Amino acid sequence: MTNTSRSLHHIVRKSSLQKNAPLLIMLHGYGSDENDLFSFSSELPAELFIISARAPYPMQPYGNAWYAINFDEEQGRWNDNEQATQSRDLMARFIDEAIAEYPVDKNNVTLLGFSQGSILSYAVALTYPEKVKNIIALSGYINKDILPEDIQKKDYSNLDFYCSHGSVDQVIPVAWARQTAPFLNSLKIKNNYSEFPVGHGVAPQNFYELKDWLSKRIL
């Protein structure tokens, strides 16, 4: 099922529940699209109402991005944090739209992001903690430049994070990901961090672990 009437193009897998279904929103990585993560939706609990969203910035010749990553000889690689902040706020609005349109539980929203989608998921949750409950952040890191200034004053007591990374990731250094748990702990946010002996991807044992983690938190 495809829907384009809202702020982000997305595809949907309906829940086995008729109402108050736990909602899972998927955020793909840089240069990909909504079909990428959606490919393993059939392996996730039937109770989940799954939405896989397409990032707003089209790339050439194909794919999409939540924000531009620029490659400059002098500066090296740098992120367009203005676009990232806009996408963060756009996703917050999209969550509201999804809750209004679909038979889901507004108090049981999970974000699942990979790579750039993971970075965005961190930012959405830490900026709008009242909108989400669980966050699955795969192969990403926390970009502090797109977090709110009043982060120490927010109530994060409802949040729970599952974070994972490949120990030989050649795209996003594992050292960046290893800063995640200490940062979340400093805010007293529940979190689980795992590493797997792979590159920039999700190992089978990683998937089984996140599935088990999620299954215990959605019902």
Protein backbone atom coordinates (compact mmCIF):
# COMPACT_ATOMS: atom_id res chain seq x y z
CA MET A 1 0.00 0.00 0.00
CA THR A 2 1.42 3.35 -1.04
CA ASN A 3 0.38 6.78 0.15
CA THR A 4 1.52 10.14 -1.21
CA SER A 5 -1.09 12.43 0.34
CA ARG A 6 1.02 13.30 3.35
CA SER A 7 4.27 15.22 3.78
CA LEU A 8 6.43 12.18 2.99
CA HIS A 9 5.86 9.51 0.36
CA HIS A 10 5.59 6.17 2.15
CA ILE A 11 4.54 2.54 1.93
CA VAL A 12 2.57 0.64 4.53
CA ARG A 13 2.16 -2.83 5.99
CA LYS A 14 -1.05 -3.06 7.96
CA SER A 15 -1.24 -4.53 11.43
CA SER A 16 -3.05 -7.69 12.48
CA LEU A 17 -4.83 -5.43 14.98
CA GLN A 18 -7.84 -3.39 13.92
CA LYS A 19 -7.07 -0.46 16.21
CA ASN A 20 -4.43 0.90 18.59
CA ALA A 21 -1.68 -0.94 16.76
CA PRO A 22 1.93 -0.25 17.73
CA LEU A 23 3.44 1.93 15.01
CA LEU A 24 6.88 1.37 13.47
CA ILE A 25 8.28 4.02 11.13
CA MET A 26 11.32 3.12 9.03
CA LEU A 27 13.92 5.70 7.97
CA HIS A 28 16.28 4.48 5.26
CA GLY A 29 19.91 5.43 4.71
CA TYR A 30 21.60 7.94 2.40
CA GLY A 31 21.05 7.18 -1.28
CA SER A 32 18.37 4.57 -0.68
CA ASP A 33 14.56 4.61 -0.61
CA GLU A 34 11.49 3.35 1.24
CA ASN A 35 11.76 -0.17 -0.21
CA ASP A 36 15.12 -0.91 1.43
CA LEU A 37 14.25 -1.47 5.10
CA PHE A 38 10.67 -2.43 4.17
CA SER A 39 12.08 -5.61 2.62
CA PHE A 40 12.33 -7.23 6.05
CA SER A 41 8.98 -5.98 7.40
CA SER A 42 7.49 -9.46 6.87
CA GLU A 43 9.95 -10.75 9.48
CA LEU A 44 8.68 -8.36 12.16
CA PRO A 45 5.75 -8.95 14.55
CA ALA A 46 2.34 -8.99 12.83
CA GLU A 47 0.93 -6.59 15.44
CA LEU A 48 3.10 -3.78 14.12
CA PHE A 49 1.64 -1.22 11.74
CA ILE A 50 4.70 -0.48 9.60
CA ILE A 51 5.34 2.67 7.60
CA SER A 52 8.48 3.05 5.52
CA ALA A 53 9.07 6.67 4.54
CA ARG A 54 11.02 8.09 1.62
CA ALA A 55 13.50 10.85 2.46
CA PRO A 56 12.56 14.25 0.99
CA TYR A 57 15.67 15.04 -1.07
CA PRO A 58 16.00 13.11 -4.37
CA MET A 59 19.50 12.24 -5.53
CA GLN A 60 20.96 11.66 -8.98
CA PRO A 61 20.81 9.24 -10.67
CA TYR A 62 18.64 7.53 -8.04
CA GLY A 63 17.97 7.29 -4.32
CA ASN A 64 17.05 9.85 -1.68
CA ALA A 65 18.60 11.60 1.30
CA TRP A 66 17.37 13.11 4.56
CA TYR A 67 20.04 15.77 4.10
CA ALA A 68 22.98 16.43 1.81
CA ILE A 69 26.43 15.07 2.55
CA ASN A 70 29.02 17.19 0.81
CA PHE A 71 32.48 16.04 -0.17
CA ASP A 72 35.02 18.85 -0.24
CA GLU A 73 38.77 18.47 -0.72
CA GLU A 74 39.57 21.07 1.93
CA GLN A 75 36.84 20.37 4.48
CA GLY A 76 36.50 16.68 3.86
CA ARG A 77 33.01 15.24 4.31
CA TRP A 78 30.44 17.48 6.00
CA ASN A 79 26.71 17.37 6.63
CA ASP A 80 24.10 19.94 5.67
CA ASN A 81 22.81 20.42 9.21
CA GLU A 82 20.18 22.91 8.10
CA GLN A 83 18.60 20.30 5.85
CA ALA A 84 19.00 17.71 8.62
CA THR A 85 17.14 19.93 11.08
CA GLN A 86 14.37 20.49 8.54
CA SER A 87 14.05 16.73 8.01
CA ARG A 88 14.01 16.20 11.78
CA ASP A 89 11.05 18.55 12.11
CA LEU A 90 9.38 17.11 9.00
CA MET A 91 9.53 13.62 10.52
CA ALA A 92 7.97 14.93 13.74
CA ARG A 93 5.08 16.30 11.68
CA PHE A 94 4.85 13.05 9.70
CA ILE A 95 4.45 11.10 12.96
CA ASP A 96 1.46 13.28 13.83
CA GLU A 97 0.00 12.75 10.35
CA ALA A 98 0.39 8.98 10.59
CA ILE A 99 -1.30 8.88 13.99
CA ALA A 100 -4.20 10.94 12.63
CA GLU A 101 -4.62 8.80 9.51
CA TYR A 102 -3.98 5.22 10.60
CA PRO A 103 -5.45 3.01 13.41
CA VAL A 104 -2.34 3.20 15.59
CA ASP A 105 -1.50 3.87 19.22
CA LYS A 106 0.03 7.34 19.59
CA ASN A 107 1.72 6.19 22.80
CA ASN A 108 3.47 3.25 21.14
CA VAL A 109 5.58 4.69 18.31
CA THR A 110 8.93 3.18 17.30
CA LEU A 111 11.46 4.67 14.90
CA LEU A 112 13.79 2.31 13.06
CA GLY A 113 16.62 4.02 11.21
CA PHE A 114 19.66 2.84 9.30
CA SER A 115 22.79 4.99 8.82
CA GLN A 116 21.57 8.51 7.95
CA GLY A 117 18.06 7.42 8.94
CA SER A 118 19.50 6.34 12.29
CA ILE A 119 21.15 9.74 12.81
CA LEU A 120 17.81 11.38 12.08
CA SER A 121 15.97 9.01 14.43
CA TYR A 122 18.25 10.04 17.29
CA ALA A 123 17.55 13.71 16.54
CA VAL A 124 13.76 13.25 16.34
CA ALA A 125 13.61 11.33 19.61
CA LEU A 126 15.87 13.70 21.52
CA THR A 127 14.04 16.77 20.19
CA TYR A 128 10.47 15.43 20.38
CA PRO A 129 10.55 12.73 23.09
CA GLU A 130 6.81 13.02 23.61
CA LYS A 131 6.17 11.68 20.09
CA VAL A 132 8.09 8.40 20.28
CA LYS A 133 8.72 5.53 22.66
CA ASN A 134 11.28 3.16 21.15
CA ILE A 135 14.18 3.87 18.82
CA ILE A 136 16.16 1.29 16.86
CA ALA A 137 19.30 3.01 15.60
CA LEU A 138 21.37 0.86 13.25
CA SER A 139 24.84 1.88 12.02
CA GLY A 140 24.48 5.54 12.97
CA TYR A 141 25.64 8.06 15.55
CA ILE A 142 24.35 11.10 17.44
CA ASN A 143 24.93 14.36 15.56
CA LYS A 144 24.89 16.90 18.38
CA ASP A 145 24.62 19.77 15.89
CA ILE A 146 20.98 18.88 15.18
CA LEU A 147 19.86 18.45 18.79
CA PRO A 148 17.96 21.08 20.79
CA GLU A 149 19.84 23.45 23.10
CA ASP A 150 17.57 22.66 26.06
CA ILE A 151 18.37 18.95 25.98
CA GLN A 152 19.16 18.84 29.71
CA LYS A 153 15.67 20.10 30.55
CA LYS A 154 13.63 17.60 28.55
CA ASP A 155 11.81 14.57 29.94
CA TYR A 156 13.28 11.44 28.37
CA SER A 157 11.88 8.96 30.88
CA ASN A 158 9.65 7.24 28.29
CA LEU A 159 12.42 6.62 25.73
CA ASP A 160 14.23 3.33 25.13
CA PHE A 161 17.00 2.89 22.54
CA TYR A 162 18.41 -0.16 20.79
CA CYS A 163 21.68 0.86 19.11
CA SER A 164 23.99 -1.34 17.05
CA HIS A 165 27.03 -0.95 14.84
CA GLY A 166 29.47 -2.97 12.80
CA SER A 167 32.89 -3.14 14.41
CA VAL A 168 34.55 -2.82 10.99
CA ASP A 169 32.16 -0.23 9.55
CA GLN A 170 33.99 1.58 6.74
CA VAL A 171 31.35 4.32 6.30
CA ILE A 172 30.63 5.52 9.84
CA PRO A 173 33.53 4.78 12.25
CA VAL A 174 32.59 2.54 15.15
CA ALA A 175 34.35 5.03 17.45
CA TRP A 176 31.55 7.50 16.72
CA ALA A 177 28.89 4.94 17.62
CA ARG A 178 30.69 4.06 20.85
CA GLN A 179 29.97 7.56 22.12
CA THR A 180 26.23 6.84 22.00
CA ALA A 181 25.73 4.89 25.22
CA PRO A 182 27.71 7.32 27.42
CA PHE A 183 25.75 10.23 25.94
CA LEU A 184 22.37 8.55 26.50
CA ASN A 185 23.44 7.44 29.99
CA SER A 186 24.31 11.04 30.85
CA LEU A 187 20.68 11.92 30.12
CA LYS A 188 19.48 8.88 32.08
CA ILE A 189 17.90 7.37 28.96
CA LYS A 190 17.36 3.60 28.76
CA ASN A 191 19.54 2.09 26.07
CA ASN A 192 21.16 -1.07 24.75
CA TYR A 193 24.30 -0.94 22.59
CA SER A 194 25.63 -3.88 20.59
CA GLU A 195 28.46 -4.40 18.11
CA PHE A 196 28.77 -7.07 15.45
CA PRO A 197 31.81 -8.12 13.36
CA VAL A 198 30.51 -6.65 10.10
CA GLY A 199 30.88 -3.51 7.99
CA HIS A 200 28.16 -0.97 7.22
CA GLY A 201 25.18 -3.29 7.40
CA VAL A 202 22.97 -5.44 9.60
CA ALA A 203 24.20 -8.94 10.42
CA PRO A 204 21.62 -11.73 10.85
CA GLN A 205 22.34 -11.98 14.58
CA ASN A 206 21.89 -8.20 14.80
CA PHE A 207 18.45 -8.50 13.24
CA TYR A 208 17.41 -11.32 15.58
CA GLU A 209 18.54 -9.29 18.58
CA LEU A 210 16.68 -6.12 17.56
CA LYS A 211 13.56 -8.16 16.73
CA ASP A 212 13.61 -9.75 20.19
CA TRP A 213 14.22 -6.34 21.81
CA LEU A 214 11.33 -4.79 19.93
CA SER A 215 8.92 -7.69 20.51
CA LYS A 216 9.27 -7.21 24.27
CA ARG A 217 8.40 -3.49 24.05
CA ILE A 218 5.48 -3.15 21.64
CA LEU A 219 2.72 -5.06 23.43
